[in-house]
Amino acid sequence: MRKPVQGTNKPEAPLEAVKSQEVVKKIPSTQAPTPVAESTNTISIKSEMEAQRKQTSQPVGNLPREVVSLSDLKKFSRQYAHEVREAGKETFFHALIKRDPLLDDETITLTLDNQVQVEYIRPILQEYVNFLRQSLRNGFLEIKLDVIDNPTEVQKPVTGKDKFQAMARKNPNIHTLKNRFNLDIEY
């Protein structure tokens, strides 16, 4: 046994006894410890899929079904893209703005650059589908994601710098004017 602590007459308990007493104090005998498998911090793919199906499934008779025009689809797609940008989801914004969606009856096709965009967009795609269904008043819309096979095709300029370079390729005199008048182009 160790020496008593100053100010007390009792000798200090061995270290092993102190450890066991601390454990008893932390877990009261009236409560059983919860098993790890029943923890609320785990995520089950099966339960997530079930919740998503419940969220999106409605009786077929209650869904509106109006004809969707390509111009309306483009308009609402751009509107949603700007809302997504304000929410800080730049990748989704650029994917929606870069290429116009394609419409085939009630199937919307989004063409993406690579598989990374697909993996980023897939979890938040249901919000986009719900927005389009509500805005276009058609509950039967489906979205299909396609990855472009030829990434070297001419791409639509997105940023100010890209737009300036695209204009300069079409008309090289833009560089001459910029240099002659000593202009600073803001990107």
C-alpha atoms as a PDB file:
ATOM      1  CA  MET A   1       0.000   0.000   0.000  1.00  0.00           C
ATOM      2  CA  ARG A   2       1.006   3.533  -0.644  1.00  0.00           C
ATOM      3  CA  LYS A   3       1.503   6.283   1.864  1.00  0.00           C
ATOM      4  CA  PRO A   4      -1.551   8.245   2.976  1.00  0.00           C
ATOM      5  CA  VAL A   5      -2.273  11.541   1.274  1.00  0.00           C
ATOM      6  CA  GLN A   6      -1.402  14.557   3.390  1.00  0.00           C
ATOM      7  CA  GLY A   7      -4.308  15.812   5.416  1.00  0.00           C
ATOM      8  CA  THR A   8      -6.053  12.432   5.708  1.00  0.00           C
ATOM      9  CA  ASN A   9      -5.462   9.527   8.014  1.00  0.00           C
ATOM     10  CA  LYS A  10      -6.596   6.862   5.522  1.00  0.00           C
ATOM     11  CA  PRO A  11      -4.062   5.123   3.338  1.00  0.00           C
ATOM     12  CA  GLU A  12      -4.575   5.560  -0.376  1.00  0.00           C
ATOM     13  CA  ALA A  13      -6.274   2.660  -2.198  1.00  0.00           C
ATOM     14  CA  PRO A  14      -4.249   0.679  -4.702  1.00  0.00           C
ATOM     15  CA  LEU A  15      -4.460   1.928  -8.287  1.00  0.00           C
ATOM     16  CA  GLU A  16      -6.438  -1.114  -9.525  1.00  0.00           C
ATOM     17  CA  ALA A  17      -9.168  -0.561  -6.934  1.00  0.00           C
ATOM     18  CA  VAL A  18      -9.466   3.101  -7.894  1.00  0.00           C
ATOM     19  CA  LYS A  19      -9.921   2.204 -11.557  1.00  0.00           C
ATOM     20  CA  SER A  20     -12.686  -0.278 -10.809  1.00  0.00           C
ATOM     21  CA  GLN A  21     -14.471   2.243  -8.582  1.00  0.00           C
ATOM     22  CA  GLU A  22     -14.386   4.874 -11.330  1.00  0.00           C
ATOM     23  CA  VAL A  23     -15.989   2.465 -13.793  1.00  0.00           C
ATOM     24  CA  VAL A  24     -18.759   1.663 -11.334  1.00  0.00           C
ATOM     25  CA  LYS A  25     -19.422   5.373 -10.845  1.00  0.00           C
ATOM     26  CA  LYS A  26     -19.614   6.045 -14.590  1.00  0.00           C
ATOM     27  CA  ILE A  27     -22.088   3.231 -15.363  1.00  0.00           C
ATOM     28  CA  PRO A  28     -24.847   2.969 -12.751  1.00  0.00           C
ATOM     29  CA  SER A  29     -25.927  -0.579 -11.984  1.00  0.00           C
ATOM     30  CA  THR A  30     -29.590   0.191 -12.858  1.00  0.00           C
ATOM     31  CA  GLN A  31     -28.803   0.933 -16.502  1.00  0.00           C
ATOM     32  CA  ALA A  32     -27.411  -1.587 -18.930  1.00  0.00           C
ATOM     33  CA  PRO A  33     -24.964  -0.268 -21.516  1.00  0.00           C
ATOM     34  CA  THR A  34     -26.491   0.108 -24.976  1.00  0.00           C
ATOM     35  CA  PRO A  35     -25.158  -2.259 -27.630  1.00  0.00           C
ATOM     36  CA  VAL A  36     -23.123  -0.699 -30.404  1.00  0.00           C
ATOM     37  CA  ALA A  37     -25.356  -2.181 -33.130  1.00  0.00           C
ATOM     38  CA  GLU A  38     -28.385  -0.221 -31.884  1.00  0.00           C
ATOM     39  CA  SER A  39     -26.581   3.099 -31.884  1.00  0.00           C
ATOM     40  CA  THR A  40     -28.444   5.991 -33.508  1.00  0.00           C
ATOM     41  CA  ASN A  41     -25.234   7.282 -35.099  1.00  0.00           C
ATOM     42  CA  THR A  42     -25.091   4.527 -37.723  1.00  0.00           C
ATOM     43  CA  ILE A  43     -26.528   5.004 -41.172  1.00  0.00           C
ATOM     44  CA  SER A  44     -28.309   2.177 -42.899  1.00  0.00           C
ATOM     45  CA  ILE A  45     -28.507   2.274 -46.669  1.00  0.00           C
ATOM     46  CA  LYS A  46     -31.660   0.192 -46.569  1.00  0.00           C
ATOM     47  CA  SER A  47     -33.439   2.623 -44.229  1.00  0.00           C
ATOM     48  CA  GLU A  48     -32.289   5.602 -46.324  1.00  0.00           C
ATOM     49  CA  MET A  49     -33.666   3.990 -49.492  1.00  0.00           C
ATOM     50  CA  GLU A  50     -36.973   3.225 -47.747  1.00  0.00           C
ATOM     51  CA  ALA A  51     -37.264   6.823 -46.528  1.00  0.00           C
ATOM     52  CA  GLN A  52     -36.551   8.139 -50.025  1.00  0.00           C
ATOM     53  CA  ARG A  53     -39.200   5.850 -51.553  1.00  0.00           C
ATOM     54  CA  LYS A  54     -41.776   6.992 -49.013  1.00  0.00           C
ATOM     55  CA  GLN A  55     -40.901  10.629 -49.682  1.00  0.00           C
ATOM     56  CA  THR A  56     -41.271  10.351 -53.459  1.00  0.00           C
ATOM     57  CA  SER A  57     -44.139   7.880 -53.696  1.00  0.00           C
ATOM     58  CA  GLN A  58     -47.596   9.377 -54.022  1.00  0.00           C
ATOM     59  CA  PRO A  59     -50.798   7.883 -55.360  1.00  0.00           C
ATOM     60  CA  VAL A  60     -50.703   8.084 -59.167  1.00  0.00           C
ATOM     61  CA  GLY A  61     -54.141   9.699 -59.352  1.00  0.00           C
ATOM     62  CA  ASN A  62     -53.020  12.761 -57.355  1.00  0.00           C
ATOM     63  CA  LEU A  63     -50.013  13.726 -59.492  1.00  0.00           C
ATOM     64  CA  PRO A  64     -50.433  16.476 -62.099  1.00  0.00           C
ATOM     65  CA  ARG A  65     -49.464  15.653 -65.674  1.00  0.00           C
ATOM     66  CA  GLU A  66     -49.064  18.685 -67.901  1.00  0.00           C
ATOM     67  CA  VAL A  67     -47.113  18.713 -71.134  1.00  0.00           C
ATOM     68  CA  VAL A  68     -43.556  19.951 -70.603  1.00  0.00           C
ATOM     69  CA  SER A  69     -41.926  22.248 -73.157  1.00  0.00           C
ATOM     70  CA  LEU A  70     -38.172  22.437 -73.631  1.00  0.00           C
ATOM     71  CA  SER A  71     -38.158  26.224 -73.135  1.00  0.00           C
ATOM     72  CA  ASP A  72     -39.918  25.889 -69.745  1.00  0.00           C
ATOM     73  CA  LEU A  73     -37.534  23.125 -68.763  1.00  0.00           C
ATOM     74  CA  LYS A  74     -34.516  25.313 -69.594  1.00  0.00           C
ATOM     75  CA  LYS A  75     -36.001  28.275 -67.713  1.00  0.00           C
ATOM     76  CA  PHE A  76     -36.714  26.351 -64.511  1.00  0.00           C
ATOM     77  CA  SER A  77     -33.442  24.451 -64.760  1.00  0.00           C
ATOM     78  CA  ARG A  78     -31.487  27.728 -64.835  1.00  0.00           C
ATOM     79  CA  GLN A  79     -33.597  29.116 -61.995  1.00  0.00           C
ATOM     80  CA  TYR A  80     -32.779  26.080 -59.867  1.00  0.00           C
ATOM     81  CA  ALA A  81     -29.111  26.306 -60.866  1.00  0.00           C
ATOM     82  CA  HIS A  82     -28.899  29.820 -59.453  1.00  0.00           C
ATOM     83  CA  GLU A  83     -30.638  28.730 -56.241  1.00  0.00           C
ATOM     84  CA  VAL A  84     -28.129  25.901 -55.896  1.00  0.00           C
ATOM     85  CA  ARG A  85     -25.249  28.300 -56.486  1.00  0.00           C
ATOM     86  CA  GLU A  86     -26.474  30.537 -53.668  1.00  0.00           C
ATOM     87  CA  ALA A  87     -26.570  27.447 -51.452  1.00  0.00           C
ATOM     88  CA  GLY A  88     -22.868  26.872 -52.181  1.00  0.00           C
ATOM     89  CA  LYS A  89     -23.123  23.860 -54.496  1.00  0.00           C
ATOM     90  CA  GLU A  90     -20.939  25.156 -57.313  1.00  0.00           C
ATOM     91  CA  THR A  91     -20.367  21.758 -58.949  1.00  0.00           C
ATOM     92  CA  PHE A  92     -24.088  21.192 -59.407  1.00  0.00           C
ATOM     93  CA  PHE A  93     -24.511  24.759 -60.655  1.00  0.00           C
ATOM     94  CA  HIS A  94     -21.840  24.344 -63.352  1.00  0.00           C
ATOM     95  CA  ALA A  95     -23.241  20.975 -64.390  1.00  0.00           C
ATOM     96  CA  LEU A  96     -26.698  22.513 -64.908  1.00  0.00           C
ATOM     97  CA  ILE A  97     -25.452  25.643 -66.691  1.00  0.00           C
ATOM     98  CA  LYS A  98     -22.813  24.083 -68.946  1.00  0.00           C
ATOM     99  CA  ARG A  99     -25.207  22.088 -71.147  1.00  0.00           C
ATOM    100  CA  ASP A 100     -28.923  22.451 -71.643  1.00  0.00           C
ATOM    101  CA  PRO A 101     -31.016  19.492 -70.489  1.00  0.00           C
ATOM    102  CA  LEU A 102     -32.513  17.248 -73.147  1.00  0.00           C
ATOM    103  CA  LEU A 103     -36.200  16.350 -73.052  1.00  0.00           C
ATOM    104  CA  ASP A 104     -37.716  13.140 -74.395  1.00  0.00           C
ATOM    105  CA  ASP A 105     -41.400  12.929 -73.460  1.00  0.00           C
ATOM    106  CA  GLU A 106     -41.178  12.850 -69.622  1.00  0.00           C
ATOM    107  CA  THR A 107     -37.514  11.896 -69.352  1.00  0.00           C
ATOM    108  CA  ILE A 108     -34.947  14.635 -68.784  1.00  0.00           C
ATOM    109  CA  THR A 109     -31.342  13.849 -69.638  1.00  0.00           C
ATOM    110  CA  LEU A 110     -28.479  15.748 -68.000  1.00  0.00           C
ATOM    111  CA  THR A 111     -25.121  15.352 -69.730  1.00  0.00           C
ATOM    112  CA  LEU A 112     -22.167  15.535 -67.353  1.00  0.00           C
ATOM    113  CA  ASP A 113     -18.418  15.685 -67.943  1.00  0.00           C
ATOM    114  CA  ASN A 114     -17.228  12.814 -65.775  1.00  0.00           C
ATOM    115  CA  GLN A 115     -18.129  10.211 -63.190  1.00  0.00           C
ATOM    116  CA  VAL A 116     -17.051  12.483 -60.316  1.00  0.00           C
ATOM    117  CA  GLN A 117     -19.877  14.889 -61.161  1.00  0.00           C
ATOM    118  CA  VAL A 118     -22.317  11.982 -61.297  1.00  0.00           C
ATOM    119  CA  GLU A 119     -21.289  10.795 -57.825  1.00  0.00           C
ATOM    120  CA  TYR A 120     -21.550  14.360 -56.453  1.00  0.00           C
ATOM    121  CA  ILE A 121     -24.934  15.089 -58.014  1.00  0.00           C
ATOM    122  CA  ARG A 122     -26.689  11.762 -57.430  1.00  0.00           C
ATOM    123  CA  PRO A 123     -27.379  12.301 -53.671  1.00  0.00           C
ATOM    124  CA  ILE A 124     -28.919  15.758 -54.226  1.00  0.00           C
ATOM    125  CA  LEU A 125     -30.690  14.913 -57.473  1.00  0.00           C
ATOM    126  CA  GLN A 126     -34.038  14.181 -55.799  1.00  0.00           C
ATOM    127  CA  GLU A 127     -34.358  17.830 -54.690  1.00  0.00           C
ATOM    128  CA  TYR A 128     -33.887  18.907 -58.319  1.00  0.00           C
ATOM    129  CA  VAL A 129     -36.474  16.391 -59.546  1.00  0.00           C
ATOM    130  CA  ASN A 130     -38.994  17.555 -56.950  1.00  0.00           C
ATOM    131  CA  PHE A 131     -38.400  21.203 -57.924  1.00  0.00           C
ATOM    132  CA  LEU A 132     -38.961  20.442 -61.617  1.00  0.00           C
ATOM    133  CA  ARG A 133     -42.036  18.318 -60.920  1.00  0.00           C
ATOM    134  CA  GLN A 134     -43.577  21.129 -58.916  1.00  0.00           C
ATOM    135  CA  SER A 135     -42.542  23.949 -61.260  1.00  0.00           C
ATOM    136  CA  LEU A 136     -43.520  22.169 -64.471  1.00  0.00           C
ATOM    137  CA  ARG A 137     -46.653  20.654 -62.899  1.00  0.00           C
ATOM    138  CA  ASN A 138     -45.778  17.130 -64.001  1.00  0.00           C
ATOM    139  CA  GLY A 139     -45.290  14.494 -61.326  1.00  0.00           C
ATOM    140  CA  PHE A 140     -44.088  11.861 -63.789  1.00  0.00           C
ATOM    141  CA  LEU A 141     -40.783  13.469 -64.744  1.00  0.00           C
ATOM    142  CA  GLU A 142     -37.704  11.274 -64.560  1.00  0.00           C
ATOM    143  CA  ILE A 143     -34.051  12.341 -64.760  1.00  0.00           C
ATOM    144  CA  LYS A 144     -31.303  10.362 -66.425  1.00  0.00           C
ATOM    145  CA  LEU A 145     -27.623  11.234 -65.976  1.00  0.00           C
ATOM    146  CA  ASP A 146     -25.255  10.665 -68.909  1.00  0.00           C
ATOM    147  CA  VAL A 147     -21.489  11.026 -68.909  1.00  0.00           C
ATOM    148  CA  ILE A 148     -20.142  12.562 -72.098  1.00  0.00           C
ATOM    149  CA  ASP A 149     -17.983  10.205 -74.158  1.00  0.00           C
ATOM    150  CA  ASN A 150     -15.967  12.887 -75.951  1.00  0.00           C
ATOM    151  CA  PRO A 151     -14.847  15.507 -73.413  1.00  0.00           C
ATOM    152  CA  THR A 152     -12.922  17.454 -76.074  1.00  0.00           C
ATOM    153  CA  GLU A 153     -16.064  18.779 -77.755  1.00  0.00           C
ATOM    154  CA  VAL A 154     -16.548  22.542 -77.847  1.00  0.00           C
ATOM    155  CA  GLN A 155     -17.748  23.573 -74.431  1.00  0.00           C
ATOM    156  CA  LYS A 156     -19.934  26.534 -73.610  1.00  0.00           C
ATOM    157  CA  PRO A 157     -17.901  29.263 -71.851  1.00  0.00           C
ATOM    158  CA  VAL A 158     -18.977  29.773 -68.262  1.00  0.00           C
ATOM    159  CA  THR A 159     -16.665  32.339 -66.661  1.00  0.00           C
ATOM    160  CA  GLY A 160     -15.863  35.834 -67.920  1.00  0.00           C
ATOM    161  CA  LYS A 161     -12.349  34.816 -68.883  1.00  0.00           C
ATOM    162  CA  ASP A 162     -13.666  31.875 -70.923  1.00  0.00           C
ATOM    163  CA  LYS A 163     -16.162  34.137 -72.684  1.00  0.00           C
ATOM    164  CA  PHE A 164     -13.460  36.654 -73.592  1.00  0.00           C
ATOM    165  CA  GLN A 165     -11.193  33.926 -74.957  1.00  0.00           C
ATOM    166  CA  ALA A 166     -14.062  32.464 -77.000  1.00  0.00           C
ATOM    167  CA  MET A 167     -14.812  35.892 -78.513  1.00  0.00           C
ATOM    168  CA  ALA A 168     -11.111  36.417 -79.217  1.00  0.00           C
ATOM    169  CA  ARG A 169     -10.960  33.092 -81.086  1.00  0.00           C
ATOM    170  CA  LYS A 170     -13.838  34.204 -83.292  1.00  0.00           C
ATOM    171  CA  ASN A 171     -12.451  37.708 -83.822  1.00  0.00           C
ATOM    172  CA  PRO A 172      -8.703  38.207 -83.188  1.00  0.00           C
ATOM    173  CA  ASN A 173      -9.113  41.982 -83.503  1.00  0.00           C
ATOM    174  CA  ILE A 174     -10.413  42.019 -79.924  1.00  0.00           C
ATOM    175  CA  HIS A 175      -6.840  41.500 -78.694  1.00  0.00           C
ATOM    176  CA  THR A 176      -5.670  44.342 -80.954  1.00  0.00           C
ATOM    177  CA  LEU A 177      -8.305  46.687 -79.504  1.00  0.00           C
ATOM    178  CA  LYS A 178      -7.496  45.599 -75.965  1.00  0.00           C
ATOM    179  CA  ASN A 179      -3.789  46.296 -76.482  1.00  0.00           C
ATOM    180  CA  ARG A 180      -4.205  49.516 -78.497  1.00  0.00           C
ATOM    181  CA  PHE A 181      -6.490  51.195 -75.959  1.00  0.00           C
ATOM    182  CA  ASN A 182      -4.682  49.645 -73.001  1.00  0.00           C
ATOM    183  CA  LEU A 183      -7.893  48.069 -71.644  1.00  0.00           C
ATOM    184  CA  ASP A 184      -8.158  45.888 -68.568  1.00  0.00           C
ATOM    185  CA  ILE A 185     -10.761  43.205 -69.022  1.00  0.00           C
ATOM    186  CA  GLU A 186     -12.545  42.295 -65.803  1.00  0.00           C
ATOM    187  CA  TYR A 187     -13.203  38.610 -65.499  1.00  0.00           C
END
